[in-house]
PDB file of N, CA and C in Angstrom:
ATOM      1  N   MET A   1      26.575 130.110  69.340  1.00  0.00           N
ATOM      2  CA  MET A   1      27.727 130.612  70.424  1.00  0.00           C
ATOM      3  C   MET A   1      27.855 129.733  71.648  1.00  0.00           C
ATOM      4  N   GLU A   2      26.599 128.839  72.562  1.00  0.00           N
ATOM      5  CA  GLU A   2      27.379 128.154  73.446  1.00  0.00           C
ATOM      6  C   GLU A   2      27.656 127.188  73.088  1.00  0.00           C
ATOM      7  N   ASN A   3      27.623 126.388  71.841  1.00  0.00           N
ATOM      8  CA  ASN A   3      28.122 125.156  71.527  1.00  0.00           C
ATOM      9  C   ASN A   3      29.856 125.024  71.022  1.00  0.00           C
ATOM     10  N   VAL A   4      30.003 126.452  71.088  1.00  0.00           N
ATOM     11  CA  VAL A   4      31.965 126.636  70.657  1.00  0.00           C
ATOM     12  C   VAL A   4      32.243 126.928  72.214  1.00  0.00           C
ATOM     13  N   SER A   5      31.510 127.163  73.397  1.00  0.00           N
ATOM     14  CA  SER A   5      32.130 127.211  74.403  1.00  0.00           C
ATOM     15  C   SER A   5      32.242 126.033  74.699  1.00  0.00           C
ATOM     16  N   ALA A   6      31.506 125.422  74.889  1.00  0.00           N
ATOM     17  CA  ALA A   6      31.010 123.732  75.265  1.00  0.00           C
ATOM     18  C   ALA A   6      32.296 122.848  74.772  1.00  0.00           C
ATOM     19  N   ILE A   7      32.185 123.377  72.890  1.00  0.00           N
ATOM     20  CA  ILE A   7      33.412 122.370  72.802  1.00  0.00           C
ATOM     21  C   ILE A   7      34.687 123.054  73.369  1.00  0.00           C
ATOM     22  N   PHE A   8      35.093 124.134  73.572  1.00  0.00           N
ATOM     23  CA  PHE A   8      36.607 125.037  73.850  1.00  0.00           C
ATOM     24  C   PHE A   8      36.447 123.950  75.509  1.00  0.00           C
ATOM     25  N   ALA A   9      35.461 124.075  76.299  1.00  0.00           N
ATOM     26  CA  ALA A   9      35.709 123.950  77.839  1.00  0.00           C
ATOM     27  C   ALA A   9      35.649 122.100  77.827  1.00  0.00           C
ATOM     28  N   GLY A  10      35.175 121.472  77.045  1.00  0.00           N
ATOM     29  CA  GLY A  10      35.346 120.055  76.678  1.00  0.00           C
ATOM     30  C   GLY A  10      36.843 119.611  76.666  1.00  0.00           C
ATOM     31  N   LEU A  11      37.291 120.318  75.426  1.00  0.00           N
ATOM     32  CA  LEU A  11      38.645 119.720  74.794  1.00  0.00           C
ATOM     33  C   LEU A  11      39.221 120.519  76.197  1.00  0.00           C
ATOM     34  N   VAL A  12      39.199 121.534  76.558  1.00  0.00           N
ATOM     35  CA  VAL A  12      40.467 121.304  77.500  1.00  0.00           C
ATOM     36  C   VAL A  12      40.290 120.786  78.839  1.00  0.00           C
ATOM     37  N   PHE A  13      39.416 120.236  79.496  1.00  0.00           N
ATOM     38  CA  PHE A  13      39.498 119.296  80.331  1.00  0.00           C
ATOM     39  C   PHE A  13      39.734 118.111  79.819  1.00  0.00           C
ATOM     40  N   ALA A  14      39.755 117.784  78.523  1.00  0.00           N
ATOM     41  CA  ALA A  14      40.039 116.255  78.071  1.00  0.00           C
ATOM     42  C   ALA A  14      41.345 116.426  77.965  1.00  0.00           C
ATOM     43  N   LEU A  15      41.893 117.592  77.493  1.00  0.00           N
ATOM     44  CA  LEU A  15      43.328 117.413  77.192  1.00  0.00           C
ATOM     45  C   LEU A  15      44.121 117.584  78.689  1.00  0.00           C
ATOM     46  N   PHE A  16      43.895 118.061  79.548  1.00  0.00           N
ATOM     47  CA  PHE A  16      44.450 118.257  81.113  1.00  0.00           C
ATOM     48  C   PHE A  16      44.236 117.052  81.533  1.00  0.00           C
ATOM     49  N   GLY A  17      43.209 116.848  81.402  1.00  0.00           N
ATOM     50  CA  GLY A  17      42.853 115.482  82.233  1.00  0.00           C
ATOM     51  C   GLY A  17      43.569 114.207  82.058  1.00  0.00           C
ATOM     52  N   GLY A  18      43.644 114.431  80.223  1.00  0.00           N
ATOM     53  CA  GLY A  18      44.348 112.832  79.825  1.00  0.00           C
ATOM     54  C   GLY A  18      45.807 113.547  79.912  1.00  0.00           C
ATOM     55  N   ALA A  19      46.190 114.455  79.849  1.00  0.00           N
ATOM     56  CA  ALA A  19      47.661 114.628  80.089  1.00  0.00           C
ATOM     57  C   ALA A  19      48.554 114.673  81.721  1.00  0.00           C
ATOM     58  N   LEU A  20      47.273 114.799  82.729  1.00  0.00           N
ATOM     59  CA  LEU A  20      47.468 114.628  83.955  1.00  0.00           C
ATOM     60  C   LEU A  20      47.644 112.910  84.279  1.00  0.00           C
ATOM     61  N   LEU A  21      46.781 112.208  83.707  1.00  0.00           N
ATOM     62  CA  LEU A  21      46.734 111.074  83.667  1.00  0.00           C
ATOM     63  C   LEU A  21      48.179 110.314  83.482  1.00  0.00           C
ATOM     64  N   VAL A  22      48.798 111.055  82.124  1.00  0.00           N
ATOM     65  CA  VAL A  22      49.950 110.149  81.416  1.00  0.00           C
ATOM     66  C   VAL A  22      50.615 110.508  82.306  1.00  0.00           C
ATOM     67  N   TRP A  23      50.988 111.610  82.434  1.00  0.00           N
ATOM     68  CA  TRP A  23      52.421 112.395  83.442  1.00  0.00           C
ATOM     69  C   TRP A  23      52.461 111.715  85.058  1.00  0.00           C
ATOM     70  N   THR A  24      50.939 111.509  85.715  1.00  0.00           N
ATOM     71  CA  THR A  24      51.029 110.500  86.936  1.00  0.00           C
ATOM     72  C   THR A  24      51.830 109.397  86.652  1.00  0.00           C
ATOM     73  N   GLY A  25      51.167 108.650  85.753  1.00  0.00           N
ATOM     74  CA  GLY A  25      51.284 107.314  85.109  1.00  0.00           C
ATOM     75  C   GLY A  25      52.757 107.204  84.966  1.00  0.00           C
ATOM     76  N   VAL A  26      53.964 108.302  84.026  1.00  0.00           N
ATOM     77  CA  VAL A  26      54.835 107.974  83.605  1.00  0.00           C
ATOM     78  C   VAL A  26      55.663 107.832  84.714  1.00  0.00           C
ATOM     79  N   ARG A  27      55.645 108.983  85.922  1.00  0.00           N
ATOM     80  CA  ARG A  27      55.997 109.490  87.204  1.00  0.00           C
ATOM     81  C   ARG A  27      56.025 108.140  87.548  1.00  0.00           C
ATOM     82  N   VAL A  28      55.303 107.475  88.140  1.00  0.00           N
ATOM     83  CA  VAL A  28      55.148 105.961  89.135  1.00  0.00           C
ATOM     84  C   VAL A  28      55.913 105.066  88.186  1.00  0.00           C
ATOM     85  N   TRP A  29      55.936 105.086  87.136  1.00  0.00           N
ATOM     86  CA  TRP A  29      56.418 104.141  85.978  1.00  0.00           C
ATOM     87  C   TRP A  29      57.600 104.224  86.787  1.00  0.00           C
ATOM     88  N   CYS A  30      58.483 105.433  86.604  1.00  0.00           N
ATOM     89  CA  CYS A  30      59.779 105.713  86.319  1.00  0.00           C
ATOM     90  C   CYS A  30      60.164 105.821  88.455  1.00  0.00           C
ATOM     91  N   GLY A  31      59.375 105.567  88.977  1.00  0.00           N
ATOM     92  CA  GLY A  31      59.737 105.614  90.264  1.00  0.00           C
ATOM     93  C   GLY A  31      60.029 106.735  91.238  1.00  0.00           C
ATOM     94  N   GLU A  32      59.756 107.685  90.414  1.00  0.00           N
ATOM     95  CA  GLU A  32      59.949 109.503  90.511  1.00  0.00           C
ATOM     96  C   GLU A  32      58.362 109.576  91.467  1.00  0.00           C
ATOM     97  N   PRO A  33      58.710 110.563  92.820  1.00  0.00           N
ATOM     98  CA  PRO A  33      57.275 111.289  93.236  1.00  0.00           C
ATOM     99  C   PRO A  33      56.938 112.016  92.499  1.00  0.00           C
ATOM    100  N   VAL A  34      55.396 111.755  92.783  1.00  0.00           N
ATOM    101  CA  VAL A  34      54.793 112.825  91.741  1.00  0.00           C
ATOM    102  C   VAL A  34      54.370 113.809  92.510  1.00  0.00           C
ATOM    103  N   ALA A  35      54.617 113.927  93.818  1.00  0.00           N
ATOM    104  CA  ALA A  35      54.588 115.393  94.739  1.00  0.00           C
ATOM    105  C   ALA A  35      55.454 115.429  95.882  1.00  0.00           C
ATOM    106  N   GLN A  36      56.153 116.481  95.663  1.00  0.00           N
ATOM    107  CA  GLN A  36      57.148 116.501  97.155  1.00  0.00           C
ATOM    108  C   GLN A  36      56.401 116.515  98.374  1.00  0.00           C
ATOM    109  N   GLY A  37      57.112 115.935  98.966  1.00  0.00           N
ATOM    110  CA  GLY A  37      56.862 115.948 100.614  1.00  0.00           C
ATOM    111  C   GLY A  37      55.216 115.489 101.099  1.00  0.00           C
ATOM    112  N   VAL A  38      54.733 114.589 100.591  1.00  0.00           N
ATOM    113  CA  VAL A  38      53.793 114.136 100.593  1.00  0.00           C
ATOM    114  C   VAL A  38      53.450 112.292 100.087  1.00  0.00           C
ATOM    115  N   SER A  39      52.660 111.865 100.959  1.00  0.00           N
ATOM    116  CA  SER A  39      52.717 110.202 100.647  1.00  0.00           C
ATOM    117  C   SER A  39      52.609 109.887  99.486  1.00  0.00           C
ATOM    118  N   ARG A  40      53.616 108.797  99.172  1.00  0.00           N
ATOM    119  CA  ARG A  40      53.419 108.463  97.509  1.00  0.00           C
ATOM    120  C   ARG A  40      52.009 108.223  97.169  1.00  0.00           C
ATOM    121  N   ILE A  41      51.483 107.128  98.258  1.00  0.00           N
ATOM    122  CA  ILE A  41      50.450 106.896  97.760  1.00  0.00           C
ATOM    123  C   ILE A  41      48.783 108.048  97.566  1.00  0.00           C
ATOM    124  N   ALA A  42      49.135 108.464  98.568  1.00  0.00           N
ATOM    125  CA  ALA A  42      48.342 110.006  98.584  1.00  0.00           C
ATOM    126  C   ALA A  42      48.624 110.974  97.169  1.00  0.00           C
ATOM    127  N   SER A  43      49.653 110.963  97.204  1.00  0.00           N
ATOM    128  CA  SER A  43      49.809 112.083  95.517  1.00  0.00           C
ATOM    129  C   SER A  43      49.287 111.016  94.685  1.00  0.00           C
ATOM    130  N   VAL A  44      49.703 109.816  94.096  1.00  0.00           N
ATOM    131  CA  VAL A  44      49.517 109.303  92.848  1.00  0.00           C
ATOM    132  C   VAL A  44      47.633 108.861  93.070  1.00  0.00           C
ATOM    133  N   ALA A  45      47.432 108.992  94.543  1.00  0.00           N
ATOM    134  CA  ALA A  45      45.465 108.430  94.203  1.00  0.00           C
ATOM    135  C   ALA A  45      44.948 109.980  94.305  1.00  0.00           C
ATOM    136  N   LEU A  46      45.245 111.233  94.714  1.00  0.00           N
ATOM    137  CA  LEU A  46      44.651 112.415  94.430  1.00  0.00           C
ATOM    138  C   LEU A  46      45.130 112.795  93.031  1.00  0.00           C
ATOM    139  N   ALA A  47      46.114 112.651  92.369  1.00  0.00           N
ATOM    140  CA  ALA A  47      46.225 112.871  90.998  1.00  0.00           C
ATOM    141  C   ALA A  47      45.556 112.148  89.805  1.00  0.00           C
ATOM    142  N   GLY A  48      45.460 110.734  90.421  1.00  0.00           N
ATOM    143  CA  GLY A  48      44.688 109.970  89.630  1.00  0.00           C
ATOM    144  C   GLY A  48      43.294 110.685  89.420  1.00  0.00           C
ATOM    145  N   ALA A  49      43.115 110.752  90.496  1.00  0.00           N
ATOM    146  CA  ALA A  49      41.192 111.115  90.864  1.00  0.00           C
ATOM    147  C   ALA A  49      41.251 112.291  89.970  1.00  0.00           C
ATOM    148  N   ALA A  50      42.064 113.396  90.039  1.00  0.00           N
ATOM    149  CA  ALA A  50      41.834 114.961  89.436  1.00  0.00           C
ATOM    150  C   ALA A  50      41.926 114.608  87.984  1.00  0.00           C
ATOM    151  N   GLY A  51      42.826 113.767  87.997  1.00  0.00           N
ATOM    152  CA  GLY A  51      42.824 113.372  86.087  1.00  0.00           C
ATOM    153  C   GLY A  51      41.503 113.019  85.515  1.00  0.00           C
ATOM    154  N   ALA A  52      40.947 111.721  86.113  1.00  0.00           N
ATOM    155  CA  ALA A  52      39.718 111.129  86.138  1.00  0.00           C
ATOM    156  C   ALA A  52      38.716 112.388  86.221  1.00  0.00           C
ATOM    157  N   VAL A  53      38.393 112.831  86.656  1.00  0.00           N
ATOM    158  CA  VAL A  53      37.486 113.738  87.159  1.00  0.00           C
ATOM    159  C   VAL A  53      37.606 114.908  85.651  1.00  0.00           C
ATOM    160  N   ALA A  54      38.791 115.228  85.661  1.00  0.00           N
ATOM    161  CA  ALA A  54      38.946 116.451  84.537  1.00  0.00           C
ATOM    162  C   ALA A  54      38.054 115.781  83.116  1.00  0.00           C
ATOM    163  N   LEU A  55      38.947 114.416  82.801  1.00  0.00           N
ATOM    164  CA  LEU A  55      38.380 113.924  81.447  1.00  0.00           C
ATOM    165  C   LEU A  55      37.189 113.641  81.847  1.00  0.00           C
ATOM    166  N   ALA A  56      36.377 113.232  82.603  1.00  0.00           N
ATOM    167  CA  ALA A  56      34.824 112.520  82.726  1.00  0.00           C
ATOM    168  C   ALA A  56      34.436 114.223  82.451  1.00  0.00           C
ATOM    169  N   LEU A  57      35.003 115.336  83.065  1.00  0.00           N
ATOM    170  CA  LEU A  57      34.333 116.519  82.766  1.00  0.00           C
ATOM    171  C   LEU A  57      33.787 116.901  81.702  1.00  0.00           C
ATOM    172  N   GLY A  58      35.195 116.499  80.599  1.00  0.00           N
ATOM    173  CA  GLY A  58      35.253 116.956  79.274  1.00  0.00           C
ATOM    174  C   GLY A  58      34.477 116.029  78.397  1.00  0.00           C
ATOM    175  N   GLY A  59      34.280 115.229  79.027  1.00  0.00           N
ATOM    176  CA  GLY A  59      33.185 114.388  78.030  1.00  0.00           C
ATOM    177  C   GLY A  59      31.860 114.394  78.492  1.00  0.00           C
ATOM    178  N   TYR A  60      31.218 115.230  79.190  1.00  0.00           N
ATOM    179  CA  TYR A  60      30.309 115.295  79.766  1.00  0.00           C
ATOM    180  C   TYR A  60      29.799 116.749  79.248  1.00  0.00           C
ATOM    181  N   CYS A  61      31.063 117.774  78.799  1.00  0.00           N
ATOM    182  CA  CYS A  61      31.000 119.043  78.342  1.00  0.00           C
ATOM    183  C   CYS A  61      30.602 118.534  76.413  1.00  0.00           C
ATOM    184  N   LEU A  62      31.568 117.639  76.080  1.00  0.00           N
ATOM    185  CA  LEU A  62      31.272 117.123  74.509  1.00  0.00           C
ATOM    186  C   LEU A  62      30.102 116.408  74.293  1.00  0.00           C
ATOM    187  N   THR A  63      29.094 115.632  75.085  1.00  0.00           N
ATOM    188  CA  THR A  63      28.435 115.217  74.663  1.00  0.00           C
ATOM    189  C   THR A  63      26.893 116.180  74.845  1.00  0.00           C
ATOM    190  N   ARG A  64      27.081 116.603  75.834  1.00  0.00           N
ATOM    191  CA  ARG A  64      26.203 117.745  75.548  1.00  0.00           C
ATOM    192  C   ARG A  64      25.919 119.017  74.798  1.00  0.00           C
ATOM    193  N   LEU A  65      26.413 118.955  73.688  1.00  0.00           N
ATOM    194  CA  LEU A  65      26.537 119.973  72.299  1.00  0.00           C
ATOM    195  C   LEU A  65      24.868 119.635  71.766  1.00  0.00           C
TER     196      LEU A  65
END
């Protein structure tokens, strides 16, 4: 039962982290702002860090089966 929860959590974290990194990259590449009213560098750094942490948590959950 705990394996199913770990797989689900790992997949959710990995999908969210990957999607956030792709979305941030596309926004930067197109020259559009990542967040309104925030410094461009700060918003890219924060979104990138959040995506990387979520991706790492997903990997951690999936390797602990």
